PDB file of N, CA and C in Angstrom:
ATOM      1  N   UNK A   1       0.838  -1.174  -0.007  1.00  0.00           N
ATOM      2  CA  UNK A   1       0.012   0.002  -0.010  1.00  0.00           C
ATOM      3  C   UNK A   1       0.893   1.233  -0.003  1.00  0.00           C
ATOM      4  N   UNK A   2       0.502   2.262  -0.759  1.00  0.00           N
ATOM      5  CA  UNK A   2       1.205   3.500  -0.826  1.00  0.00           C
ATOM      6  C   UNK A   2       0.388   4.613  -0.213  1.00  0.00           C
ATOM      7  N   UNK A   3       1.041   5.536   0.466  1.00  0.00           N
ATOM      8  CA  UNK A   3       0.375   6.657   1.065  1.00  0.00           C
ATOM      9  C   UNK A   3       0.802   7.915   0.361  1.00  0.00           C
ATOM     10  N   UNK A   4      -0.148   8.697  -0.085  1.00  0.00           N
ATOM     11  CA  UNK A   4       0.174   9.964  -0.761  1.00  0.00           C
ATOM     12  C   UNK A   4      -0.470  11.088   0.044  1.00  0.00           C
ATOM     13  N   UNK A   5       0.252  12.131   0.194  1.00  0.00           N
ATOM     14  CA  UNK A   5      -0.264  13.296   0.889  1.00  0.00           C
ATOM     15  C   UNK A   5      -0.357  14.419  -0.164  1.00  0.00           C
ATOM     16  N   UNK A   6      -1.563  14.948  -0.334  1.00  0.00           N
ATOM     17  CA  UNK A   6      -1.748  16.034  -1.288  1.00  0.00           C
ATOM     18  C   UNK A   6      -2.706  17.019  -0.669  1.00  0.00           C
ATOM     19  N   UNK A   7      -2.396  18.290  -0.853  1.00  0.00           N
ATOM     20  CA  UNK A   7      -3.243  19.338  -0.362  1.00  0.00           C
ATOM     21  C   UNK A   7      -3.468  20.336  -1.503  1.00  0.00           C
ATOM     22  N   UNK A   8      -4.704  20.670  -1.756  1.00  0.00           N
ATOM     23  CA  UNK A   8      -5.011  21.630  -2.805  1.00  0.00           C
ATOM     24  C   UNK A   8      -5.961  22.673  -2.218  1.00  0.00           C
ATOM     25  N   UNK A   9      -5.492  23.823  -2.072  1.00  0.00           N
ATOM     26  CA  UNK A   9      -6.375  24.838  -1.505  1.00  0.00           C
ATOM     27  C   UNK A   9      -5.659  26.122  -1.246  1.00  0.00           C
ATOM     28  N   UNK A  10      -6.323  27.010  -0.536  1.00  0.00           N
ATOM     29  CA  UNK A  10      -5.770  28.327  -0.215  1.00  0.00           C
ATOM     30  C   UNK A  10      -5.414  29.081  -1.466  1.00  0.00           C
ATOM     31  N   UNK A  11      -6.395  29.190  -2.389  1.00  0.00           N
ATOM     32  CA  UNK A  11      -6.157  29.895  -3.643  1.00  0.00           C
ATOM     33  C   UNK A  11      -6.022  31.385  -3.449  1.00  0.00           C
ATOM     34  N   UNK A  12      -5.007  31.931  -4.076  1.00  0.00           N
ATOM     35  CA  UNK A  12      -4.767  33.371  -4.003  1.00  0.00           C
ATOM     36  C   UNK A  12      -4.915  33.964  -5.402  1.00  0.00           C
ATOM     37  N   UNK A  13      -5.820  34.947  -5.524  1.00  0.00           N
ATOM     38  CA  UNK A  13      -5.990  35.675  -6.810  1.00  0.00           C
ATOM     39  C   UNK A  13      -4.859  36.669  -6.993  1.00  0.00           C
ATOM     40  N   UNK A  14      -4.282  37.148  -5.883  1.00  0.00           N
ATOM     41  CA  UNK A  14      -3.146  38.053  -5.963  1.00  0.00           C
ATOM     42  C   UNK A  14      -2.418  37.980  -4.632  1.00  0.00           C
ATOM     43  N   UNK A  15      -1.124  38.044  -4.727  1.00  0.00           N
ATOM     44  CA  UNK A  15      -0.247  38.004  -3.545  1.00  0.00           C
ATOM     45  C   UNK A  15       1.139  38.421  -3.993  1.00  0.00           C
ATOM     46  N   UNK A  16       1.876  39.075  -3.152  1.00  0.00           N
ATOM     47  CA  UNK A  16       3.281  39.351  -3.486  1.00  0.00           C
ATOM     48  C   UNK A  16       4.079  38.078  -3.523  1.00  0.00           C
ATOM     49  N   UNK A  17       5.336  38.178  -3.904  1.00  0.00           N
ATOM     50  CA  UNK A  17       6.224  37.015  -3.970  1.00  0.00           C
ATOM     51  C   UNK A  17       6.682  36.680  -2.547  1.00  0.00           C
ATOM     52  N   UNK A  18       5.828  36.049  -1.802  1.00  0.00           N
ATOM     53  CA  UNK A  18       6.108  35.688  -0.442  1.00  0.00           C
ATOM     54  C   UNK A  18       5.044  36.226   0.529  1.00  0.00           C
ATOM     55  N   UNK A  19       4.148  35.371   0.916  1.00  0.00           N
ATOM     56  CA  UNK A  19       3.064  35.761   1.839  1.00  0.00           C
ATOM     57  C   UNK A  19       3.665  36.082   3.207  1.00  0.00           C
ATOM     58  N   UNK A  20       3.357  37.293   3.731  1.00  0.00           N
ATOM     59  CA  UNK A  20       4.038  37.695   4.968  1.00  0.00           C
ATOM     60  C   UNK A  20       3.101  37.931   6.153  1.00  0.00           C
ATOM     61  N   UNK A  21       1.781  38.123   5.938  1.00  0.00           N
ATOM     62  CA  UNK A  21       0.944  38.461   7.094  1.00  0.00           C
ATOM     63  C   UNK A  21      -0.469  37.863   7.018  1.00  0.00           C
ATOM     64  N   UNK A  22      -0.616  36.717   6.375  1.00  0.00           N
ATOM     65  CA  UNK A  22      -1.928  36.064   6.241  1.00  0.00           C
ATOM     66  C   UNK A  22      -2.919  36.844   5.382  1.00  0.00           C
ATOM     67  N   UNK A  23      -2.439  37.848   4.642  1.00  0.00           N
ATOM     68  CA  UNK A  23      -3.329  38.654   3.824  1.00  0.00           C
ATOM     69  C   UNK A  23      -2.967  38.453   2.352  1.00  0.00           C
ATOM     70  N   UNK A  24      -3.949  38.035   1.587  1.00  0.00           N
ATOM     71  CA  UNK A  24      -3.835  37.927   0.148  1.00  0.00           C
ATOM     72  C   UNK A  24      -5.270  38.059  -0.393  1.00  0.00           C
ATOM     73  N   UNK A  25      -5.419  38.142  -1.657  1.00  0.00           N
ATOM     74  CA  UNK A  25      -6.764  38.173  -2.216  1.00  0.00           C
ATOM     75  C   UNK A  25      -7.160  36.732  -2.465  1.00  0.00           C
ATOM     76  N   UNK A  26      -7.967  36.210  -1.543  1.00  0.00           N
ATOM     77  CA  UNK A  26      -8.403  34.810  -1.605  1.00  0.00           C
ATOM     78  C   UNK A  26      -9.378  34.612  -2.751  1.00  0.00           C
ATOM     79  N   UNK A  27      -9.350  33.426  -3.307  1.00  0.00           N
ATOM     80  CA  UNK A  27     -10.254  33.105  -4.414  1.00  0.00           C
ATOM     81  C   UNK A  27     -10.556  31.611  -4.391  1.00  0.00           C
ATOM     82  N   UNK A  28     -11.631  31.255  -5.018  1.00  0.00           N
ATOM     83  CA  UNK A  28     -11.988  29.856  -5.151  1.00  0.00           C
ATOM     84  C   UNK A  28     -11.052  29.218  -6.179  1.00  0.00           C
ATOM     85  N   UNK A  29     -10.842  27.937  -6.037  1.00  0.00           N
ATOM     86  CA  UNK A  29     -10.034  27.193  -7.003  1.00  0.00           C
ATOM     87  C   UNK A  29     -10.910  26.199  -7.743  1.00  0.00           C
ATOM     88  N   UNK A  30     -10.630  26.053  -9.019  1.00  0.00           N
ATOM     89  CA  UNK A  30     -11.315  25.044  -9.808  1.00  0.00           C
ATOM     90  C   UNK A  30     -10.305  24.540 -10.821  1.00  0.00           C
ATOM     91  N   UNK A  31     -10.248  23.219 -10.960  1.00  0.00           N
ATOM     92  CA  UNK A  31      -9.290  22.679 -11.897  1.00  0.00           C
ATOM     93  C   UNK A  31      -9.245  21.185 -11.750  1.00  0.00           C
ATOM     94  N   UNK A  32      -8.287  20.601 -12.431  1.00  0.00           N
ATOM     95  CA  UNK A  32      -8.144  19.152 -12.375  1.00  0.00           C
ATOM     96  C   UNK A  32      -6.690  18.812 -12.057  1.00  0.00           C
ATOM     97  N   UNK A  33      -6.538  17.639 -11.496  1.00  0.00           N
ATOM     98  CA  UNK A  33      -5.214  17.180 -11.138  1.00  0.00           C
ATOM     99  C   UNK A  33      -5.045  15.758 -11.742  1.00  0.00           C
ATOM    100  N   UNK A  34      -3.844  15.493 -12.188  1.00  0.00           N
ATOM    101  CA  UNK A  34      -3.521  14.160 -12.664  1.00  0.00           C
ATOM    102  C   UNK A  34      -2.362  13.691 -11.806  1.00  0.00           C
ATOM    103  N   UNK A  35      -2.650  12.675 -11.003  1.00  0.00           N
ATOM    104  CA  UNK A  35      -1.654  12.098 -10.100  1.00  0.00           C
ATOM    105  C   UNK A  35      -1.119  10.815 -10.708  1.00  0.00           C
ATOM    106  N   UNK A  36       0.208  10.708 -10.738  1.00  0.00           N
ATOM    107  CA  UNK A  36       0.838   9.538 -11.314  1.00  0.00           C
ATOM    108  C   UNK A  36       1.672   8.892 -10.193  1.00  0.00           C
ATOM    109  N   UNK A  37       1.409   7.663  -9.913  1.00  0.00           N
ATOM    110  CA  UNK A  37       2.148   6.919  -8.930  1.00  0.00           C
ATOM    111  C   UNK A  37       3.451   6.378  -9.548  1.00  0.00           C
ATOM    112  N   UNK A  38       4.556   6.839  -9.028  1.00  0.00           N
ATOM    113  CA  UNK A  38       5.868   6.364  -9.490  1.00  0.00           C
ATOM    114  C   UNK A  38       6.460   5.527  -8.332  1.00  0.00           C
ATOM    115  N   UNK A  39       6.308   4.237  -8.466  1.00  0.00           N
ATOM    116  CA  UNK A  39       6.698   3.353  -7.377  1.00  0.00           C
ATOM    117  C   UNK A  39       8.214   3.315  -7.178  1.00  0.00           C
ATOM    118  N   UNK A  40       8.983   3.745  -8.170  1.00  0.00           N
ATOM    119  CA  UNK A  40      10.420   3.718  -8.059  1.00  0.00           C
ATOM    120  C   UNK A  40      10.997   5.027  -7.511  1.00  0.00           C
ATOM    121  N   UNK A  41      10.161   5.933  -7.081  1.00  0.00           N
ATOM    122  CA  UNK A  41      10.642   7.206  -6.573  1.00  0.00           C
ATOM    123  C   UNK A  41      10.404   7.313  -5.077  1.00  0.00           C
ATOM    124  N   UNK A  42      11.281   7.988  -4.384  1.00  0.00           N
ATOM    125  CA  UNK A  42      11.108   8.230  -2.966  1.00  0.00           C
ATOM    126  C   UNK A  42      11.468   9.689  -2.727  1.00  0.00           C
ATOM    127  N   UNK A  43      10.485  10.562  -2.627  1.00  0.00           N
ATOM    128  CA  UNK A  43      10.733  11.991  -2.471  1.00  0.00           C
ATOM    129  C   UNK A  43      10.686  12.391  -1.021  1.00  0.00           C
ATOM    130  N   UNK A  44      11.604  13.274  -0.621  1.00  0.00           N
ATOM    131  CA  UNK A  44      11.602  13.795   0.752  1.00  0.00           C
ATOM    132  C   UNK A  44      10.750  15.057   0.854  1.00  0.00           C
ATOM    133  N   UNK A  45      10.606  15.785  -0.267  1.00  0.00           N
ATOM    134  CA  UNK A  45       9.843  17.022  -0.339  1.00  0.00           C
ATOM    135  C   UNK A  45       8.994  17.018  -1.607  1.00  0.00           C
ATOM    136  N   UNK A  46       7.953  17.845  -1.636  1.00  0.00           N
ATOM    137  CA  UNK A  46       7.153  17.894  -2.864  1.00  0.00           C
ATOM    138  C   UNK A  46       7.925  18.434  -4.047  1.00  0.00           C
ATOM    139  N   UNK A  47       7.548  17.984  -5.234  1.00  0.00           N
ATOM    140  CA  UNK A  47       8.086  18.500  -6.461  1.00  0.00           C
ATOM    141  C   UNK A  47       6.910  18.795  -7.372  1.00  0.00           C
ATOM    142  N   UNK A  48       7.132  19.692  -8.329  1.00  0.00           N
ATOM    143  CA  UNK A  48       6.085  20.053  -9.292  1.00  0.00           C
ATOM    144  C   UNK A  48       6.776  20.290 -10.620  1.00  0.00           C
ATOM    145  N   UNK A  49       5.985  20.194 -11.681  1.00  0.00           N
ATOM    146  CA  UNK A  49       6.540  20.576 -12.977  1.00  0.00           C
ATOM    147  C   UNK A  49       5.434  21.173 -13.842  1.00  0.00           C
ATOM    148  N   UNK A  50       5.865  22.041 -14.718  1.00  0.00           N
ATOM    149  CA  UNK A  50       4.974  22.614 -15.733  1.00  0.00           C
ATOM    150  C   UNK A  50       5.591  22.267 -17.081  1.00  0.00           C
ATOM    151  N   UNK A  51       5.026  22.789 -18.126  1.00  0.00           N
ATOM    152  CA  UNK A  51       5.601  22.534 -19.454  1.00  0.00           C
ATOM    153  C   UNK A  51       6.982  23.149 -19.608  1.00  0.00           C
ATOM    154  N   UNK A  52       7.295  24.173 -18.823  1.00  0.00           N
ATOM    155  CA  UNK A  52       8.593  24.850 -18.945  1.00  0.00           C
ATOM    156  C   UNK A  52       9.474  24.769 -17.715  1.00  0.00           C
ATOM    157  N   UNK A  53       8.958  24.365 -16.580  1.00  0.00           N
ATOM    158  CA  UNK A  53       9.721  24.391 -15.349  1.00  0.00           C
ATOM    159  C   UNK A  53       9.659  23.095 -14.581  1.00  0.00           C
ATOM    160  N   UNK A  54      10.717  22.824 -13.844  1.00  0.00           N
ATOM    161  CA  UNK A  54      10.713  21.806 -12.788  1.00  0.00           C
ATOM    162  C   UNK A  54      10.879  22.585 -11.510  1.00  0.00           C
ATOM    163  N   UNK A  55      10.097  22.209 -10.497  1.00  0.00           N
ATOM    164  CA  UNK A  55      10.101  22.981  -9.253  1.00  0.00           C
ATOM    165  C   UNK A  55      10.335  22.052  -8.071  1.00  0.00           C
ATOM    166  N   UNK A  56      11.347  22.380  -7.290  1.00  0.00           N
ATOM    167  CA  UNK A  56      11.545  21.674  -6.029  1.00  0.00           C
ATOM    168  C   UNK A  56      11.166  22.625  -4.910  1.00  0.00           C
ATOM    169  N   UNK A  57      10.956  22.105  -3.740  1.00  0.00           N
ATOM    170  CA  UNK A  57      10.478  22.953  -2.640  1.00  0.00           C
ATOM    171  C   UNK A  57      11.193  22.605  -1.350  1.00  0.00           C
ATOM    172  N   UNK A  58      11.362  23.614  -0.534  1.00  0.00           N
ATOM    173  CA  UNK A  58      11.920  23.415   0.781  1.00  0.00           C
ATOM    174  C   UNK A  58      11.058  24.118   1.821  1.00  0.00           C
ATOM    175  N   UNK A  59      10.790  23.473   2.911  1.00  0.00           N
ATOM    176  CA  UNK A  59       9.994  24.025   4.004  1.00  0.00           C
ATOM    177  C   UNK A  59      10.688  23.755   5.332  1.00  0.00           C
ATOM    178  N   UNK A  60      10.743  24.750   6.158  1.00  0.00           N
ATOM    179  CA  UNK A  60      11.371  24.597   7.488  1.00  0.00           C
ATOM    180  C   UNK A  60      11.012  25.798   8.319  1.00  0.00           C
ATOM    181  N   UNK A  61      11.217  25.716   9.630  1.00  0.00           N
ATOM    182  CA  UNK A  61      11.049  26.888  10.459  1.00  0.00           C
ATOM    183  C   UNK A  61      12.165  27.908  10.224  1.00  0.00           C
ATOM    184  N   UNK A  62      13.268  27.449   9.691  1.00  0.00           N
ATOM    185  CA  UNK A  62      14.400  28.331   9.353  1.00  0.00           C
ATOM    186  C   UNK A  62      14.392  28.588   7.841  1.00  0.00           C
ATOM    187  N   UNK A  63      14.424  29.831   7.449  1.00  0.00           N
ATOM    188  CA  UNK A  63      14.466  30.195   6.041  1.00  0.00           C
ATOM    189  C   UNK A  63      15.773  29.648   5.406  1.00  0.00           C
ATOM    190  N   UNK A  64      16.854  29.670   6.149  1.00  0.00           N
ATOM    191  CA  UNK A  64      18.145  29.116   5.624  1.00  0.00           C
ATOM    192  C   UNK A  64      17.977  27.624   5.329  1.00  0.00           C
ATOM    193  N   UNK A  65      17.392  26.882   6.220  1.00  0.00           N
ATOM    194  CA  UNK A  65      17.251  25.458   6.008  1.00  0.00           C
ATOM    195  C   UNK A  65      16.244  25.158   4.892  1.00  0.00           C
ATOM    196  N   UNK A  66      15.218  25.972   4.754  1.00  0.00           N
ATOM    197  CA  UNK A  66      14.245  25.798   3.683  1.00  0.00           C
ATOM    198  C   UNK A  66      14.942  26.011   2.328  1.00  0.00           C
ATOM    199  N   UNK A  67      15.821  27.013   2.268  1.00  0.00           N
ATOM    200  CA  UNK A  67      16.596  27.302   1.055  1.00  0.00           C
ATOM    201  C   UNK A  67      17.522  26.123   0.745  1.00  0.00           C
ATOM    202  N   UNK A  68      18.183  25.623   1.757  1.00  0.00           N
ATOM    203  CA  UNK A  68      19.126  24.496   1.544  1.00  0.00           C
ATOM    204  C   UNK A  68      18.372  23.231   1.072  1.00  0.00           C
ATOM    205  N   UNK A  69      17.208  23.024   1.630  1.00  0.00           N
ATOM    206  CA  UNK A  69      16.417  21.861   1.228  1.00  0.00           C
ATOM    207  C   UNK A  69      15.971  21.983  -0.238  1.00  0.00           C
ATOM    208  N   UNK A  70      15.484  23.172  -0.634  1.00  0.00           N
ATOM    209  CA  UNK A  70      15.076  23.412  -2.040  1.00  0.00           C
ATOM    210  C   UNK A  70      16.252  23.181  -2.965  1.00  0.00           C
ATOM    211  N   UNK A  71      17.445  23.651  -2.578  1.00  0.00           N
ATOM    212  CA  UNK A  71      18.644  23.464  -3.376  1.00  0.00           C
ATOM    213  C   UNK A  71      19.008  21.988  -3.509  1.00  0.00           C
ATOM    214  N   UNK A  72      19.065  21.290  -2.389  1.00  0.00           N
ATOM    215  CA  UNK A  72      19.432  19.876  -2.393  1.00  0.00           C
ATOM    216  C   UNK A  72      18.405  19.042  -3.225  1.00  0.00           C
ATOM    217  N   UNK A  73      17.149  19.353  -3.080  1.00  0.00           N
ATOM    218  CA  UNK A  73      16.105  18.653  -3.845  1.00  0.00           C
ATOM    219  C   UNK A  73      16.252  18.917  -5.342  1.00  0.00           C
ATOM    220  N   UNK A  74      16.596  20.149  -5.713  1.00  0.00           N
ATOM    221  CA  UNK A  74      16.788  20.452  -7.134  1.00  0.00           C
ATOM    222  C   UNK A  74      18.018  19.759  -7.672  1.00  0.00           C
ATOM    223  N   UNK A  75      19.107  19.734  -6.883  1.00  0.00           N
ATOM    224  CA  UNK A  75      20.286  19.010  -7.300  1.00  0.00           C
ATOM    225  C   UNK A  75      19.975  17.543  -7.521  1.00  0.00           C
ATOM    226  N   UNK A  76      19.225  16.946  -6.617  1.00  0.00           N
ATOM    227  CA  UNK A  76      18.827  15.523  -6.764  1.00  0.00           C
ATOM    228  C   UNK A  76      18.063  15.328  -8.059  1.00  0.00           C
ATOM    229  N   UNK A  77      17.117  16.228  -8.336  1.00  0.00           N
ATOM    230  CA  UNK A  77      16.279  16.107  -9.560  1.00  0.00           C
ATOM    231  C   UNK A  77      17.207  16.161 -10.792  1.00  0.00           C
ATOM    232  N   UNK A  78      18.107  17.112 -10.830  1.00  0.00           N
ATOM    233  CA  UNK A  78      18.974  17.265 -11.996  1.00  0.00           C
ATOM    234  C   UNK A  78      19.873  16.045 -12.175  1.00  0.00           C
ATOM    235  N   UNK A  79      20.446  15.556 -11.084  1.00  0.00           N
ATOM    236  CA  UNK A  79      21.297  14.356 -11.175  1.00  0.00           C
ATOM    237  C   UNK A  79      20.490  13.153 -11.674  1.00  0.00           C
ATOM    238  N   UNK A  80      19.284  12.996 -11.147  1.00  0.00           N
ATOM    239  CA  UNK A  80      18.427  11.847 -11.504  1.00  0.00           C
ATOM    240  C   UNK A  80      18.001  11.893 -12.969  1.00  0.00           C
ATOM    241  N   UNK A  81      17.681  13.056 -13.499  1.00  0.00           N
ATOM    242  CA  UNK A  81      17.066  13.149 -14.808  1.00  0.00           C
ATOM    243  C   UNK A  81      18.014  13.566 -15.932  1.00  0.00           C
ATOM    244  N   UNK A  82      19.133  14.122 -15.601  1.00  0.00           N
ATOM    245  CA  UNK A  82      20.018  14.667 -16.649  1.00  0.00           C
ATOM    246  C   UNK A  82      21.363  13.952 -16.723  1.00  0.00           C
ATOM    247  N   UNK A  83      21.588  12.979 -15.845  1.00  0.00           N
ATOM    248  CA  UNK A  83      22.805  12.157 -15.891  1.00  0.00           C
ATOM    249  C   UNK A  83      24.056  13.034 -15.826  1.00  0.00           C
ATOM    250  N   UNK A  84      24.109  13.935 -14.891  1.00  0.00           N
ATOM    251  CA  UNK A  84      25.293  14.722 -14.661  1.00  0.00           C
ATOM    252  C   UNK A  84      25.697  14.560 -13.190  1.00  0.00           C
ATOM    253  N   UNK A  85      26.901  14.940 -12.866  1.00  0.00           N
ATOM    254  CA  UNK A  85      27.397  14.735 -11.516  1.00  0.00           C
ATOM    255  C   UNK A  85      26.748  15.710 -10.538  1.00  0.00           C
ATOM    256  N   UNK A  86      26.838  15.381  -9.281  1.00  0.00           N
ATOM    257  CA  UNK A  86      26.323  16.242  -8.230  1.00  0.00           C
ATOM    258  C   UNK A  86      27.024  17.595  -8.232  1.00  0.00           C
ATOM    259  N   UNK A  87      28.340  17.597  -8.486  1.00  0.00           N
ATOM    260  CA  UNK A  87      29.097  18.850  -8.519  1.00  0.00           C
ATOM    261  C   UNK A  87      28.609  19.723  -9.678  1.00  0.00           C
ATOM    262  N   UNK A  88      28.370  19.120 -10.840  1.00  0.00           N
ATOM    263  CA  UNK A  88      27.882  19.899 -11.981  1.00  0.00           C
ATOM    264  C   UNK A  88      26.471  20.400 -11.724  1.00  0.00           C
ATOM    265  N   UNK A  89      25.627  19.581 -11.047  1.00  0.00           N
ATOM    266  CA  UNK A  89      24.293  20.039 -10.717  1.00  0.00           C
ATOM    267  C   UNK A  89      24.316  21.208  -9.747  1.00  0.00           C
ATOM    268  N   UNK A  90      25.238  21.177  -8.795  1.00  0.00           N
ATOM    269  CA  UNK A  90      25.388  22.256  -7.833  1.00  0.00           C
ATOM    270  C   UNK A  90      25.786  23.546  -8.546  1.00  0.00           C
ATOM    271  N   UNK A  91      26.737  23.457  -9.484  1.00  0.00           N
ATOM    272  CA  UNK A  91      27.138  24.614 -10.274  1.00  0.00           C
ATOM    273  C   UNK A  91      25.994  25.144 -11.101  1.00  0.00           C
ATOM    274  N   UNK A  92      25.263  24.242 -11.754  1.00  0.00           N
ATOM    275  CA  UNK A  92      24.108  24.624 -12.568  1.00  0.00           C
ATOM    276  C   UNK A  92      23.060  25.361 -11.727  1.00  0.00           C
ATOM    277  N   UNK A  93      22.825  24.895 -10.522  1.00  0.00           N
ATOM    278  CA  UNK A  93      21.856  25.562  -9.651  1.00  0.00           C
ATOM    279  C   UNK A  93      22.271  26.976  -9.316  1.00  0.00           C
ATOM    280  N   UNK A  94      23.549  27.182  -9.161  1.00  0.00           N
ATOM    281  CA  UNK A  94      24.065  28.527  -8.836  1.00  0.00           C
ATOM    282  C   UNK A  94      23.854  29.509  -9.957  1.00  0.00           C
ATOM    283  N   UNK A  95      23.947  29.053 -11.199  1.00  0.00           N
ATOM    284  CA  UNK A  95      23.863  29.952 -12.338  1.00  0.00           C
ATOM    285  C   UNK A  95      22.523  29.924 -13.079  1.00  0.00           C
ATOM    286  N   UNK A  96      21.715  28.870 -12.873  1.00  0.00           N
ATOM    287  CA  UNK A  96      20.555  28.733 -13.689  1.00  0.00           C
ATOM    288  C   UNK A  96      19.243  28.432 -12.994  1.00  0.00           C
ATOM    289  N   UNK A  97      19.224  28.378 -11.681  1.00  0.00           N
ATOM    290  CA  UNK A  97      17.996  28.080 -10.952  1.00  0.00           C
ATOM    291  C   UNK A  97      17.578  29.306 -10.171  1.00  0.00           C
ATOM    292  N   UNK A  98      16.320  29.661 -10.251  1.00  0.00           N
ATOM    293  CA  UNK A  98      15.783  30.806  -9.492  1.00  0.00           C
ATOM    294  C   UNK A  98      15.144  30.323  -8.180  1.00  0.00           C
ATOM    295  N   UNK A  99      15.505  30.942  -7.108  1.00  0.00           N
ATOM    296  CA  UNK A  99      14.979  30.628  -5.788  1.00  0.00           C
ATOM    297  C   UNK A  99      14.113  31.801  -5.324  1.00  0.00           C
ATOM    298  N   UNK A 100      12.947  31.505  -4.801  1.00  0.00           N
ATOM    299  CA  UNK A 100      12.041  32.541  -4.330  1.00  0.00           C
ATOM    300  C   UNK A 100      11.626  32.219  -2.882  1.00  0.00           C
ATOM    301  N   UNK A 101      11.091  33.193  -2.179  1.00  0.00           N
ATOM    302  CA  UNK A 101      10.487  32.941  -0.898  1.00  0.00           C
ATOM    303  C   UNK A 101       8.986  32.934  -1.084  1.00  0.00           C
ATOM    304  N   UNK A 102       8.371  31.798  -0.817  1.00  0.00           N
ATOM    305  CA  UNK A 102       6.918  31.670  -1.059  1.00  0.00           C
ATOM    306  C   UNK A 102       6.115  32.043   0.201  1.00  0.00           C
ATOM    307  N   UNK A 103       6.693  31.888   1.373  1.00  0.00           N
ATOM    308  CA  UNK A 103       5.963  32.259   2.565  1.00  0.00           C
ATOM    309  C   UNK A 103       6.908  32.422   3.743  1.00  0.00           C
ATOM    310  N   UNK A 104       6.539  33.376   4.574  1.00  0.00           N
ATOM    311  CA  UNK A 104       7.178  33.572   5.886  1.00  0.00           C
ATOM    312  C   UNK A 104       6.103  33.831   6.925  1.00  0.00           C
ATOM    313  N   UNK A 105       4.869  33.555   6.565  1.00  0.00           N
ATOM    314  CA  UNK A 105       3.704  33.997   7.326  1.00  0.00           C
ATOM    315  C   UNK A 105       3.471  33.186   8.614  1.00  0.00           C
ATOM    316  N   UNK A 106       3.969  32.001   8.656  1.00  0.00           N
ATOM    317  CA  UNK A 106       3.732  31.205   9.872  1.00  0.00           C
ATOM    318  C   UNK A 106       5.044  30.520  10.229  1.00  0.00           C
ATOM    319  N   UNK A 107       4.962  29.477  11.015  1.00  0.00           N
ATOM    320  CA  UNK A 107       6.210  28.856  11.457  1.00  0.00           C
ATOM    321  C   UNK A 107       6.911  28.143  10.316  1.00  0.00           C
ATOM    322  N   UNK A 108       6.243  27.816   9.221  1.00  0.00           N
ATOM    323  CA  UNK A 108       6.864  27.141   8.097  1.00  0.00           C
ATOM    324  C   UNK A 108       7.254  28.142   7.041  1.00  0.00           C
ATOM    325  N   UNK A 109       8.546  28.287   6.830  1.00  0.00           N
ATOM    326  CA  UNK A 109       9.051  29.151   5.742  1.00  0.00           C
ATOM    327  C   UNK A 109       9.119  28.310   4.472  1.00  0.00           C
ATOM    328  N   UNK A 110       8.858  28.895   3.347  1.00  0.00           N
ATOM    329  CA  UNK A 110       8.820  28.160   2.085  1.00  0.00           C
ATOM    330  C   UNK A 110       9.725  28.739   1.056  1.00  0.00           C
ATOM    331  N   UNK A 111      10.492  27.893   0.359  1.00  0.00           N
ATOM    332  CA  UNK A 111      11.355  28.320  -0.748  1.00  0.00           C
ATOM    333  C   UNK A 111      11.201  27.349  -1.905  1.00  0.00           C
ATOM    334  N   UNK A 112      10.610  27.829  -3.020  1.00  0.00           N
ATOM    335  CA  UNK A 112      10.615  26.984  -4.230  1.00  0.00           C
ATOM    336  C   UNK A 112      11.838  27.334  -5.090  1.00  0.00           C
ATOM    337  N   UNK A 113      12.355  26.297  -5.758  1.00  0.00           N
ATOM    338  CA  UNK A 113      13.480  26.466  -6.719  1.00  0.00           C
ATOM    339  C   UNK A 113      12.922  26.181  -8.075  1.00  0.00           C
ATOM    340  N   UNK A 114      13.104  27.106  -9.038  1.00  0.00           N
ATOM    341  CA  UNK A 114      12.548  26.983 -10.365  1.00  0.00           C
ATOM    342  C   UNK A 114      13.659  26.792 -11.386  1.00  0.00           C
ATOM    343  N   UNK A 115      13.610  25.660 -12.060  1.00  0.00           N
ATOM    344  CA  UNK A 115      14.619  25.268 -13.042  1.00  0.00           C
ATOM    345  C   UNK A 115      13.974  25.258 -14.401  1.00  0.00           C
ATOM    346  N   UNK A 116      14.495  26.067 -15.309  1.00  0.00           N
ATOM    347  CA  UNK A 116      13.922  26.122 -16.665  1.00  0.00           C
ATOM    348  C   UNK A 116      14.412  24.917 -17.462  1.00  0.00           C
ATOM    349  N   UNK A 117      13.434  24.171 -18.034  1.00  0.00           N
ATOM    350  CA  UNK A 117      13.765  23.031 -18.839  1.00  0.00           C
ATOM    351  C   UNK A 117      14.518  23.456 -20.125  1.00  0.00           C
ATOM    352  N   UNK A 118      14.394  24.718 -20.501  1.00  0.00           N
ATOM    353  CA  UNK A 118      15.051  25.242 -21.705  1.00  0.00           C
ATOM    354  C   UNK A 118      16.568  25.214 -21.540  1.00  0.00           C
ATOM    355  N   UNK A 119      17.099  25.134 -20.343  1.00  0.00           N
ATOM    356  CA  UNK A 119      18.528  25.041 -20.164  1.00  0.00           C
ATOM    357  C   UNK A 119      19.126  23.770 -20.771  1.00  0.00           C
ATOM    358  N   UNK A 120      18.282  22.768 -20.980  1.00  0.00           N
ATOM    359  CA  UNK A 120      18.765  21.512 -21.569  1.00  0.00           C
ATOM    360  C   UNK A 120      18.141  21.282 -22.963  1.00  0.00           C
ATOM    361  N   UNK A 121      17.519  22.282 -23.504  1.00  0.00           N
ATOM    362  CA  UNK A 121      16.861  22.116 -24.814  1.00  0.00           C
ATOM    363  C   UNK A 121      17.882  22.049 -25.934  1.00  0.00           C
TER     364      UNK A 121
END
């Protein structure tokens, strides 16, 4: 048996780059999700992808640790999918991955790392 944890909610129609005080323009969400069970994967943190981006995430009470987690998760993704060394993935993250602060509003700080798939096109 596999256990999946997924949360879909707290839709924001507008918010700055990093929620800071529980205030955003809340909105209803409507959409569809396609979940694919990959039995050969073991993720420590959530990942997401779009047609142009791969996104890793880091969450922690410390913003520094959340950033480190997002970085390590992105390095793991690059090593797993692009067949390059960990050292090269680390260098690539420094020059080609965008890190943002998604939240500081509560005890969990959030940092997503955005990797453009175009870097390997």
